[in-house]
PDB file of N, CA and C in Angstrom:
ATOM      1  N   UNK A   1     -30.528   5.058  26.907  1.00  0.00           N
ATOM      2  CA  UNK A   1     -29.238   4.521  26.555  1.00  0.00           C
ATOM      3  C   UNK A   1     -29.202   3.036  26.934  1.00  0.00           C
ATOM      4  N   UNK A   2     -28.720   2.135  26.060  1.00  0.00           N
ATOM      5  CA  UNK A   2     -28.727   0.710  26.381  1.00  0.00           C
ATOM      6  C   UNK A   2     -27.732   0.391  27.500  1.00  0.00           C
ATOM      7  N   UNK A   3     -28.079  -0.577  28.279  1.00  0.00           N
ATOM      8  CA  UNK A   3     -27.206  -1.004  29.372  1.00  0.00           C
ATOM      9  C   UNK A   3     -26.347  -2.171  28.923  1.00  0.00           C
ATOM     10  N   UNK A   4     -25.132  -2.199  29.423  1.00  0.00           N
ATOM     11  CA  UNK A   4     -24.236  -3.304  29.123  1.00  0.00           C
ATOM     12  C   UNK A   4     -24.114  -4.163  30.373  1.00  0.00           C
ATOM     13  N   UNK A   5     -24.619  -5.366  30.373  1.00  0.00           N
ATOM     14  CA  UNK A   5     -24.602  -6.195  31.569  1.00  0.00           C
ATOM     15  C   UNK A   5     -23.201  -6.709  31.899  1.00  0.00           C
ATOM     16  N   UNK A   6     -22.969  -6.951  33.186  1.00  0.00           N
ATOM     17  CA  UNK A   6     -21.772  -7.607  33.695  1.00  0.00           C
ATOM     18  C   UNK A   6     -20.475  -6.827  33.472  1.00  0.00           C
ATOM     19  N   UNK A   7     -20.535  -5.533  33.240  1.00  0.00           N
ATOM     20  CA  UNK A   7     -19.320  -4.747  33.070  1.00  0.00           C
ATOM     21  C   UNK A   7     -19.016  -3.890  34.289  1.00  0.00           C
ATOM     22  N   UNK A   8     -19.894  -3.839  35.235  1.00  0.00           N
ATOM     23  CA  UNK A   8     -19.714  -2.984  36.403  1.00  0.00           C
ATOM     24  C   UNK A   8     -19.824  -3.830  37.662  1.00  0.00           C
ATOM     25  N   UNK A   9     -19.324  -3.301  38.785  1.00  0.00           N
ATOM     26  CA  UNK A   9     -19.500  -4.020  40.045  1.00  0.00           C
ATOM     27  C   UNK A   9     -20.981  -4.257  40.303  1.00  0.00           C
ATOM     28  N   UNK A  10     -21.260  -5.262  41.081  1.00  0.00           N
ATOM     29  CA  UNK A  10     -22.638  -5.644  41.357  1.00  0.00           C
ATOM     30  C   UNK A  10     -23.443  -4.448  41.856  1.00  0.00           C
ATOM     31  N   UNK A  11     -24.593  -4.250  41.255  1.00  0.00           N
ATOM     32  CA  UNK A  11     -25.478  -3.172  41.650  1.00  0.00           C
ATOM     33  C   UNK A  11     -25.240  -1.876  40.892  1.00  0.00           C
ATOM     34  N   UNK A  12     -24.092  -1.706  40.235  1.00  0.00           N
ATOM     35  CA  UNK A  12     -23.815  -0.474  39.497  1.00  0.00           C
ATOM     36  C   UNK A  12     -24.353  -0.609  38.079  1.00  0.00           C
ATOM     37  N   UNK A  13     -24.739   0.510  37.503  1.00  0.00           N
ATOM     38  CA  UNK A  13     -25.256   0.536  36.143  1.00  0.00           C
ATOM     39  C   UNK A  13     -24.286   1.338  35.289  1.00  0.00           C
ATOM     40  N   UNK A  14     -23.895   0.774  34.164  1.00  0.00           N
ATOM     41  CA  UNK A  14     -22.957   1.442  33.259  1.00  0.00           C
ATOM     42  C   UNK A  14     -23.634   1.564  31.907  1.00  0.00           C
ATOM     43  N   UNK A  15     -23.633   2.763  31.346  1.00  0.00           N
ATOM     44  CA  UNK A  15     -24.193   2.957  30.010  1.00  0.00           C
ATOM     45  C   UNK A  15     -23.101   2.711  28.983  1.00  0.00           C
ATOM     46  N   UNK A  16     -23.511   2.610  27.733  1.00  0.00           N
ATOM     47  CA  UNK A  16     -22.553   2.367  26.661  1.00  0.00           C
ATOM     48  C   UNK A  16     -21.507   3.472  26.591  1.00  0.00           C
ATOM     49  N   UNK A  17     -21.866   4.687  26.919  1.00  0.00           N
ATOM     50  CA  UNK A  17     -20.932   5.807  26.870  1.00  0.00           C
ATOM     51  C   UNK A  17     -19.855   5.688  27.946  1.00  0.00           C
ATOM     52  N   UNK A  18     -20.149   4.995  29.038  1.00  0.00           N
ATOM     53  CA  UNK A  18     -19.209   4.882  30.144  1.00  0.00           C
ATOM     54  C   UNK A  18     -18.412   3.590  30.112  1.00  0.00           C
ATOM     55  N   UNK A  19     -18.786   2.671  29.263  1.00  0.00           N
ATOM     56  CA  UNK A  19     -18.125   1.372  29.242  1.00  0.00           C
ATOM     57  C   UNK A  19     -16.665   1.538  28.811  1.00  0.00           C
ATOM     58  N   UNK A  20     -15.758   0.831  29.470  1.00  0.00           N
ATOM     59  CA  UNK A  20     -14.344   0.931  29.085  1.00  0.00           C
ATOM     60  C   UNK A  20     -14.141   0.336  27.700  1.00  0.00           C
ATOM     61  N   UNK A  21     -13.260   0.953  26.953  1.00  0.00           N
ATOM     62  CA  UNK A  21     -12.969   0.473  25.600  1.00  0.00           C
ATOM     63  C   UNK A  21     -11.540  -0.006  25.528  1.00  0.00           C
ATOM     64  N   UNK A  22     -11.373  -1.056  24.801  1.00  0.00           N
ATOM     65  CA  UNK A  22     -10.053  -1.594  24.567  1.00  0.00           C
ATOM     66  C   UNK A  22      -9.473  -0.894  23.340  1.00  0.00           C
ATOM     67  N   UNK A  23      -8.251  -0.389  23.416  1.00  0.00           N
ATOM     68  CA  UNK A  23      -7.689   0.270  22.235  1.00  0.00           C
ATOM     69  C   UNK A  23      -7.464  -0.731  21.105  1.00  0.00           C
ATOM     70  N   UNK A  24      -7.675  -0.264  19.900  1.00  0.00           N
ATOM     71  CA  UNK A  24      -7.459  -1.123  18.736  1.00  0.00           C
ATOM     72  C   UNK A  24      -5.981  -1.455  18.634  1.00  0.00           C
ATOM     73  N   UNK A  25      -5.688  -2.684  18.298  1.00  0.00           N
ATOM     74  CA  UNK A  25      -4.301  -3.101  18.178  1.00  0.00           C
ATOM     75  C   UNK A  25      -4.048  -3.565  16.763  1.00  0.00           C
ATOM     76  N   UNK A  26      -2.943  -3.103  16.199  1.00  0.00           N
ATOM     77  CA  UNK A  26      -2.538  -3.514  14.865  1.00  0.00           C
ATOM     78  C   UNK A  26      -1.115  -4.013  14.935  1.00  0.00           C
ATOM     79  N   UNK A  27      -0.859  -5.090  14.278  1.00  0.00           N
ATOM     80  CA  UNK A  27       0.502  -5.617  14.249  1.00  0.00           C
ATOM     81  C   UNK A  27       1.369  -4.718  13.372  1.00  0.00           C
ATOM     82  N   UNK A  28       2.554  -4.431  13.838  1.00  0.00           N
ATOM     83  CA  UNK A  28       3.486  -3.617  13.075  1.00  0.00           C
ATOM     84  C   UNK A  28       4.257  -4.546  12.148  1.00  0.00           C
ATOM     85  N   UNK A  29       3.880  -4.559  10.888  1.00  0.00           N
ATOM     86  CA  UNK A  29       4.508  -5.447   9.917  1.00  0.00           C
ATOM     87  C   UNK A  29       5.137  -4.613   8.815  1.00  0.00           C
ATOM     88  N   UNK A  30       5.781  -5.287   7.893  1.00  0.00           N
ATOM     89  CA  UNK A  30       6.419  -4.591   6.778  1.00  0.00           C
ATOM     90  C   UNK A  30       5.391  -3.879   5.907  1.00  0.00           C
ATOM     91  N   UNK A  31       4.135  -4.320   5.944  1.00  0.00           N
ATOM     92  CA  UNK A  31       3.113  -3.671   5.133  1.00  0.00           C
ATOM     93  C   UNK A  31       2.400  -2.559   5.898  1.00  0.00           C
ATOM     94  N   UNK A  32       2.721  -2.405   7.169  1.00  0.00           N
ATOM     95  CA  UNK A  32       2.127  -1.327   7.960  1.00  0.00           C
ATOM     96  C   UNK A  32       2.621   0.010   7.411  1.00  0.00           C
ATOM     97  N   UNK A  33       1.738   0.998   7.256  1.00  0.00           N
ATOM     98  CA  UNK A  33       2.129   2.274   6.660  1.00  0.00           C
ATOM     99  C   UNK A  33       3.352   2.926   7.298  1.00  0.00           C
ATOM    100  N   UNK A  34       3.544   2.762   8.595  1.00  0.00           N
ATOM    101  CA  UNK A  34       4.698   3.373   9.243  1.00  0.00           C
ATOM    102  C   UNK A  34       6.003   2.749   8.752  1.00  0.00           C
ATOM    103  N   UNK A  35       5.926   1.512   8.292  1.00  0.00           N
ATOM    104  CA  UNK A  35       7.112   0.808   7.818  1.00  0.00           C
ATOM    105  C   UNK A  35       7.242   0.875   6.291  1.00  0.00           C
ATOM    106  N   UNK A  36       6.290   1.463   5.627  1.00  0.00           N
ATOM    107  CA  UNK A  36       6.252   1.494   4.165  1.00  0.00           C
ATOM    108  C   UNK A  36       5.969   2.927   3.712  1.00  0.00           C
ATOM    109  N   UNK A  37       6.993   3.787   3.710  1.00  0.00           N
ATOM    110  CA  UNK A  37       6.762   5.198   3.401  1.00  0.00           C
ATOM    111  C   UNK A  37       6.262   5.414   1.973  1.00  0.00           C
ATOM    112  N   UNK A  38       5.569   6.524   1.803  1.00  0.00           N
ATOM    113  CA  UNK A  38       5.069   6.889   0.473  1.00  0.00           C
ATOM    114  C   UNK A  38       6.138   7.665  -0.282  1.00  0.00           C
ATOM    115  N   UNK A  39       6.211   7.393  -1.565  1.00  0.00           N
ATOM    116  CA  UNK A  39       7.165   8.055  -2.454  1.00  0.00           C
ATOM    117  C   UNK A  39       6.433   9.039  -3.351  1.00  0.00           C
ATOM    118  N   UNK A  40       7.142  10.061  -3.790  1.00  0.00           N
ATOM    119  CA  UNK A  40       6.597  11.029  -4.737  1.00  0.00           C
ATOM    120  C   UNK A  40       6.904  10.579  -6.163  1.00  0.00           C
ATOM    121  N   UNK A  41       6.346  11.292  -7.123  1.00  0.00           N
ATOM    122  CA  UNK A  41       6.637  11.011  -8.539  1.00  0.00           C
ATOM    123  C   UNK A  41       8.138  11.126  -8.780  1.00  0.00           C
ATOM    124  N   UNK A  42       8.751  12.147  -8.204  1.00  0.00           N
ATOM    125  CA  UNK A  42      10.197  12.333  -8.387  1.00  0.00           C
ATOM    126  C   UNK A  42      10.985  11.169  -7.791  1.00  0.00           C
ATOM    127  N   UNK A  43      10.596  10.718  -6.598  1.00  0.00           N
ATOM    128  CA  UNK A  43      11.270   9.572  -5.975  1.00  0.00           C
ATOM    129  C   UNK A  43      11.200   8.342  -6.871  1.00  0.00           C
ATOM    130  N   UNK A  44      10.016   8.072  -7.412  1.00  0.00           N
ATOM    131  CA  UNK A  44       9.825   6.899  -8.259  1.00  0.00           C
ATOM    132  C   UNK A  44      10.606   7.036  -9.560  1.00  0.00           C
ATOM    133  N   UNK A  45      10.616   8.231 -10.142  1.00  0.00           N
ATOM    134  CA  UNK A  45      11.361   8.419 -11.390  1.00  0.00           C
ATOM    135  C   UNK A  45      12.857   8.173 -11.164  1.00  0.00           C
ATOM    136  N   UNK A  46      13.360   8.595 -10.014  1.00  0.00           N
ATOM    137  CA  UNK A  46      14.771   8.345  -9.698  1.00  0.00           C
ATOM    138  C   UNK A  46      15.022   6.858  -9.459  1.00  0.00           C
ATOM    139  N   UNK A  47      14.103   6.186  -8.755  1.00  0.00           N
ATOM    140  CA  UNK A  47      14.275   4.754  -8.473  1.00  0.00           C
ATOM    141  C   UNK A  47      14.240   3.922  -9.736  1.00  0.00           C
ATOM    142  N   UNK A  48      13.361   4.285 -10.677  1.00  0.00           N
ATOM    143  CA  UNK A  48      13.218   3.526 -11.922  1.00  0.00           C
ATOM    144  C   UNK A  48      14.127   4.037 -13.034  1.00  0.00           C
ATOM    145  N   UNK A  49      14.786   5.163 -12.778  1.00  0.00           N
ATOM    146  CA  UNK A  49      15.662   5.785 -13.773  1.00  0.00           C
ATOM    147  C   UNK A  49      14.888   6.129 -15.051  1.00  0.00           C
ATOM    148  N   UNK A  50      13.739   6.758 -14.853  1.00  0.00           N
ATOM    149  CA  UNK A  50      12.892   7.216 -15.960  1.00  0.00           C
ATOM    150  C   UNK A  50      12.501   8.670 -15.683  1.00  0.00           C
ATOM    151  N   UNK A  51      11.855   9.297 -16.644  1.00  0.00           N
ATOM    152  CA  UNK A  51      11.421  10.685 -16.447  1.00  0.00           C
ATOM    153  C   UNK A  51      10.158  10.746 -15.588  1.00  0.00           C
ATOM    154  N   UNK A  52       9.908  11.923 -15.036  1.00  0.00           N
ATOM    155  CA  UNK A  52       8.669  12.119 -14.270  1.00  0.00           C
ATOM    156  C   UNK A  52       7.457  11.974 -15.182  1.00  0.00           C
ATOM    157  N   UNK A  53       7.582  12.394 -16.442  1.00  0.00           N
ATOM    158  CA  UNK A  53       6.475  12.231 -17.403  1.00  0.00           C
ATOM    159  C   UNK A  53       6.153  10.749 -17.609  1.00  0.00           C
ATOM    160  N   UNK A  54       7.183   9.905 -17.656  1.00  0.00           N
ATOM    161  CA  UNK A  54       6.964   8.466 -17.814  1.00  0.00           C
ATOM    162  C   UNK A  54       6.160   7.944 -16.630  1.00  0.00           C
ATOM    163  N   UNK A  55       6.521   8.368 -15.422  1.00  0.00           N
ATOM    164  CA  UNK A  55       5.802   7.926 -14.224  1.00  0.00           C
ATOM    165  C   UNK A  55       4.342   8.352 -14.315  1.00  0.00           C
ATOM    166  N   UNK A  56       4.085   9.613 -14.650  1.00  0.00           N
ATOM    167  CA  UNK A  56       2.696  10.093 -14.770  1.00  0.00           C
ATOM    168  C   UNK A  56       1.928   9.284 -15.811  1.00  0.00           C
ATOM    169  N   UNK A  57       2.545   9.056 -16.974  1.00  0.00           N
ATOM    170  CA  UNK A  57       1.883   8.301 -18.037  1.00  0.00           C
ATOM    171  C   UNK A  57       1.525   6.879 -17.598  1.00  0.00           C
ATOM    172  N   UNK A  58       2.414   6.240 -16.849  1.00  0.00           N
ATOM    173  CA  UNK A  58       2.204   4.839 -16.479  1.00  0.00           C
ATOM    174  C   UNK A  58       1.377   4.673 -15.208  1.00  0.00           C
ATOM    175  N   UNK A  59       0.868   5.773 -14.714  1.00  0.00           N
ATOM    176  CA  UNK A  59      -0.069   5.693 -13.583  1.00  0.00           C
ATOM    177  C   UNK A  59      -1.503   5.563 -14.065  1.00  0.00           C
ATOM    178  N   UNK A  60      -1.761   5.925 -15.325  1.00  0.00           N
ATOM    179  CA  UNK A  60      -3.156   5.925 -15.743  1.00  0.00           C
ATOM    180  C   UNK A  60      -3.396   5.410 -17.148  1.00  0.00           C
ATOM    181  N   UNK A  61      -2.493   5.669 -18.085  1.00  0.00           N
ATOM    182  CA  UNK A  61      -2.901   5.390 -19.459  1.00  0.00           C
ATOM    183  C   UNK A  61      -1.969   4.485 -20.247  1.00  0.00           C
ATOM    184  N   UNK A  62      -0.794   4.228 -19.758  1.00  0.00           N
ATOM    185  CA  UNK A  62       0.133   3.382 -20.504  1.00  0.00           C
ATOM    186  C   UNK A  62       0.509   2.156 -19.688  1.00  0.00           C
ATOM    187  N   UNK A  63       0.796   1.083 -20.418  1.00  0.00           N
ATOM    188  CA  UNK A  63       1.260  -0.143 -19.771  1.00  0.00           C
ATOM    189  C   UNK A  63       2.779  -0.172 -19.775  1.00  0.00           C
ATOM    190  N   UNK A  64       3.405  -0.735 -18.786  1.00  0.00           N
ATOM    191  CA  UNK A  64       2.839  -1.342 -17.586  1.00  0.00           C
ATOM    192  C   UNK A  64       2.378  -0.278 -16.599  1.00  0.00           C
ATOM    193  N   UNK A  65       1.282  -0.545 -15.932  1.00  0.00           N
ATOM    194  CA  UNK A  65       0.708   0.393 -14.966  1.00  0.00           C
ATOM    195  C   UNK A  65       1.492   0.376 -13.653  1.00  0.00           C
ATOM    196  N   UNK A  66       1.749   1.543 -13.140  1.00  0.00           N
ATOM    197  CA  UNK A  66       2.372   1.667 -11.826  1.00  0.00           C
ATOM    198  C   UNK A  66       1.288   1.643 -10.751  1.00  0.00           C
ATOM    199  N   UNK A  67       1.540   1.005  -9.617  1.00  0.00           N
ATOM    200  CA  UNK A  67       0.578   1.012  -8.507  1.00  0.00           C
ATOM    201  C   UNK A  67       0.614   2.371  -7.816  1.00  0.00           C
ATOM    202  N   UNK A  68      -0.460   3.112  -7.896  1.00  0.00           N
ATOM    203  CA  UNK A  68      -0.471   4.508  -7.452  1.00  0.00           C
ATOM    204  C   UNK A  68      -1.552   4.754  -6.407  1.00  0.00           C
ATOM    205  N   UNK A  69      -1.292   5.738  -5.556  1.00  0.00           N
ATOM    206  CA  UNK A  69      -2.285   6.248  -4.613  1.00  0.00           C
ATOM    207  C   UNK A  69      -2.524   7.702  -4.999  1.00  0.00           C
ATOM    208  N   UNK A  70      -3.749   8.024  -5.347  1.00  0.00           N
ATOM    209  CA  UNK A  70      -4.074   9.408  -5.712  1.00  0.00           C
ATOM    210  C   UNK A  70      -4.533  10.149  -4.463  1.00  0.00           C
ATOM    211  N   UNK A  71      -3.871  11.255  -4.181  1.00  0.00           N
ATOM    212  CA  UNK A  71      -4.248  12.074  -3.033  1.00  0.00           C
ATOM    213  C   UNK A  71      -4.758  13.412  -3.543  1.00  0.00           C
ATOM    214  N   UNK A  72      -5.242  14.254  -2.659  1.00  0.00           N
ATOM    215  CA  UNK A  72      -5.847  15.523  -3.058  1.00  0.00           C
ATOM    216  C   UNK A  72      -5.005  16.349  -4.004  1.00  0.00           C
ATOM    217  N   UNK A  73      -5.677  17.182  -4.771  1.00  0.00           N
ATOM    218  CA  UNK A  73      -5.054  18.090  -5.729  1.00  0.00           C
ATOM    219  C   UNK A  73      -4.288  17.389  -6.846  1.00  0.00           C
ATOM    220  N   UNK A  74      -4.617  16.145  -7.139  1.00  0.00           N
ATOM    221  CA  UNK A  74      -3.984  15.432  -8.236  1.00  0.00           C
ATOM    222  C   UNK A  74      -2.600  14.897  -7.933  1.00  0.00           C
ATOM    223  N   UNK A  75      -2.147  15.020  -6.708  1.00  0.00           N
ATOM    224  CA  UNK A  75      -0.829  14.505  -6.349  1.00  0.00           C
ATOM    225  C   UNK A  75      -0.864  12.978  -6.344  1.00  0.00           C
ATOM    226  N   UNK A  76       0.245  12.381  -6.702  1.00  0.00           N
ATOM    227  CA  UNK A  76       0.365  10.932  -6.726  1.00  0.00           C
ATOM    228  C   UNK A  76       1.383  10.496  -5.680  1.00  0.00           C
ATOM    229  N   UNK A  77       1.095   9.388  -5.030  1.00  0.00           N
ATOM    230  CA  UNK A  77       2.032   8.798  -4.080  1.00  0.00           C
ATOM    231  C   UNK A  77       2.098   7.302  -4.349  1.00  0.00           C
ATOM    232  N   UNK A  78       3.198   6.707  -3.957  1.00  0.00           N
ATOM    233  CA  UNK A  78       3.468   5.305  -4.245  1.00  0.00           C
ATOM    234  C   UNK A  78       4.045   4.649  -3.000  1.00  0.00           C
ATOM    235  N   UNK A  79       3.560   3.463  -2.653  1.00  0.00           N
ATOM    236  CA  UNK A  79       4.151   2.711  -1.548  1.00  0.00           C
ATOM    237  C   UNK A  79       5.485   2.140  -2.017  1.00  0.00           C
ATOM    238  N   UNK A  80       6.483   2.249  -1.170  1.00  0.00           N
ATOM    239  CA  UNK A  80       7.803   1.720  -1.495  1.00  0.00           C
ATOM    240  C   UNK A  80       7.710   0.243  -1.851  1.00  0.00           C
ATOM    241  N   UNK A  81       6.971  -0.518  -1.055  1.00  0.00           N
ATOM    242  CA  UNK A  81       6.848  -1.958  -1.308  1.00  0.00           C
ATOM    243  C   UNK A  81       6.175  -2.243  -2.648  1.00  0.00           C
ATOM    244  N   UNK A  82       5.216  -1.413  -3.042  1.00  0.00           N
ATOM    245  CA  UNK A  82       4.519  -1.616  -4.318  1.00  0.00           C
ATOM    246  C   UNK A  82       5.454  -1.350  -5.495  1.00  0.00           C
ATOM    247  N   UNK A  83       6.311  -0.346  -5.364  1.00  0.00           N
ATOM    248  CA  UNK A  83       7.270  -0.050  -6.436  1.00  0.00           C
ATOM    249  C   UNK A  83       8.304  -1.175  -6.536  1.00  0.00           C
ATOM    250  N   UNK A  84       8.758  -1.689  -5.402  1.00  0.00           N
ATOM    251  CA  UNK A  84       9.706  -2.813  -5.424  1.00  0.00           C
ATOM    252  C   UNK A  84       9.055  -4.046  -6.036  1.00  0.00           C
ATOM    253  N   UNK A  85       7.781  -4.288  -5.727  1.00  0.00           N
ATOM    254  CA  UNK A  85       7.057  -5.411  -6.326  1.00  0.00           C
ATOM    255  C   UNK A  85       6.904  -5.207  -7.834  1.00  0.00           C
ATOM    256  N   UNK A  86       6.665  -3.963  -8.250  1.00  0.00           N
ATOM    257  CA  UNK A  86       6.573  -3.636  -9.676  1.00  0.00           C
ATOM    258  C   UNK A  86       7.891  -3.976 -10.369  1.00  0.00           C
ATOM    259  N   UNK A  87       9.003  -3.595  -9.768  1.00  0.00           N
ATOM    260  CA  UNK A  87      10.321  -3.887 -10.341  1.00  0.00           C
ATOM    261  C   UNK A  87      10.524  -5.401 -10.448  1.00  0.00           C
ATOM    262  N   UNK A  88      10.182  -6.134  -9.393  1.00  0.00           N
ATOM    263  CA  UNK A  88      10.319  -7.595  -9.410  1.00  0.00           C
ATOM    264  C   UNK A  88       9.485  -8.218 -10.515  1.00  0.00           C
ATOM    265  N   UNK A  89       8.254  -7.740 -10.674  1.00  0.00           N
ATOM    266  CA  UNK A  89       7.366  -8.273 -11.714  1.00  0.00           C
ATOM    267  C   UNK A  89       7.912  -7.968 -13.105  1.00  0.00           C
ATOM    268  N   UNK A  90       8.381  -6.754 -13.307  1.00  0.00           N
ATOM    269  CA  UNK A  90       8.932  -6.400 -14.621  1.00  0.00           C
ATOM    270  C   UNK A  90      10.170  -7.244 -14.927  1.00  0.00           C
ATOM    271  N   UNK A  91      10.960  -7.523 -13.904  1.00  0.00           N
ATOM    272  CA  UNK A  91      12.139  -8.369 -14.095  1.00  0.00           C
ATOM    273  C   UNK A  91      11.725  -9.789 -14.482  1.00  0.00           C
ATOM    274  N   UNK A  92      10.692 -10.305 -13.810  1.00  0.00           N
ATOM    275  CA  UNK A  92      10.193 -11.648 -14.119  1.00  0.00           C
ATOM    276  C   UNK A  92       9.654 -11.713 -15.545  1.00  0.00           C
ATOM    277  N   UNK A  93       8.870 -10.709 -15.931  1.00  0.00           N
ATOM    278  CA  UNK A  93       8.299 -10.669 -17.284  1.00  0.00           C
ATOM    279  C   UNK A  93       9.414 -10.548 -18.328  1.00  0.00           C
ATOM    280  N   UNK A  94      10.400  -9.730 -18.048  1.00  0.00           N
ATOM    281  CA  UNK A  94      11.521  -9.554 -18.988  1.00  0.00           C
ATOM    282  C   UNK A  94      12.299 -10.851 -19.155  1.00  0.00           C
ATOM    283  N   UNK A  95      12.530 -11.559 -18.051  1.00  0.00           N
ATOM    284  CA  UNK A  95      13.260 -12.827 -18.122  1.00  0.00           C
ATOM    285  C   UNK A  95      12.459 -13.861 -18.912  1.00  0.00           C
ATOM    286  N   UNK A  96      11.152 -13.921 -18.674  1.00  0.00           N
ATOM    287  CA  UNK A  96      10.299 -14.867 -19.401  1.00  0.00           C
ATOM    288  C   UNK A  96      10.282 -14.535 -20.889  1.00  0.00           C
ATOM    289  N   UNK A  97      10.233 -13.259 -21.208  1.00  0.00           N
ATOM    290  CA  UNK A  97      10.228 -12.838 -22.615  1.00  0.00           C
ATOM    291  C   UNK A  97      11.549 -13.226 -23.280  1.00  0.00           C
ATOM    292  N   UNK A  98      12.639 -13.058 -22.565  1.00  0.00           N
ATOM    293  CA  UNK A  98      13.951 -13.425 -23.103  1.00  0.00           C
ATOM    294  C   UNK A  98      14.078 -14.913 -23.342  1.00  0.00           C
ATOM    295  N   UNK A  99      13.522 -15.730 -22.452  1.00  0.00           N
ATOM    296  CA  UNK A  99      13.566 -17.189 -22.628  1.00  0.00           C
ATOM    297  C   UNK A  99      12.747 -17.615 -23.836  1.00  0.00           C
ATOM    298  N   UNK A 100      11.568 -16.994 -24.024  1.00  0.00           N
ATOM    299  CA  UNK A 100      10.744 -17.337 -25.182  1.00  0.00           C
ATOM    300  C   UNK A 100      11.457 -16.951 -26.475  1.00  0.00           C
ATOM    301  N   UNK A 101      12.096 -15.833 -26.445  1.00  0.00           N
ATOM    302  CA  UNK A 101      12.780 -15.334 -27.633  1.00  0.00           C
ATOM    303  C   UNK A 101      13.949 -16.250 -28.029  1.00  0.00           C
ATOM    304  N   UNK A 102      14.627 -16.787 -27.013  1.00  0.00           N
ATOM    305  CA  UNK A 102      15.774 -17.663 -27.271  1.00  0.00           C
ATOM    306  C   UNK A 102      15.358 -19.118 -27.434  1.00  0.00           C
ATOM    307  N   UNK A 103      14.067 -19.409 -27.259  1.00  0.00           N
ATOM    308  CA  UNK A 103      13.583 -20.779 -27.428  1.00  0.00           C
ATOM    309  C   UNK A 103      13.848 -21.669 -26.243  1.00  0.00           C
ATOM    310  N   UNK A 104      14.167 -21.102 -25.093  1.00  0.00           N
ATOM    311  CA  UNK A 104      14.398 -21.928 -23.903  1.00  0.00           C
ATOM    312  C   UNK A 104      13.213 -21.834 -22.972  1.00  0.00           C
ATOM    313  N   UNK A 105      13.042 -22.859 -22.168  1.00  0.00           N
ATOM    314  CA  UNK A 105      11.973 -22.857 -21.160  1.00  0.00           C
ATOM    315  C   UNK A 105      12.561 -23.267 -19.837  1.00  0.00           C
ATOM    316  N   UNK A 106      11.789 -23.060 -18.777  1.00  0.00           N
ATOM    317  CA  UNK A 106      12.256 -23.464 -17.443  1.00  0.00           C
ATOM    318  C   UNK A 106      12.059 -24.926 -17.209  1.00  0.00           C
TER     319      UNK A 106
END
């Protein structure tokens, strides 16, 4: 077993298995999973005011694509922040399309 120098009192030998470990630290931010719960297909359909079939279709084969997390057994989950970002993007695209249609620019 390799020795780790300077981790033990003078004269003591510490192996890698005995060396103290520092716990991993992660900052708790808005993007941290604990602060960003996962939504179900039903949750997303209610938030977007669309059918569950629409949500399923826009996860894989139709545009605009929804940001999806595929979990076991074919279940789909969505980060709340990703769905809110999707809504913001669709709003931006819709506004830009409306300006082009009316002949106005920013």
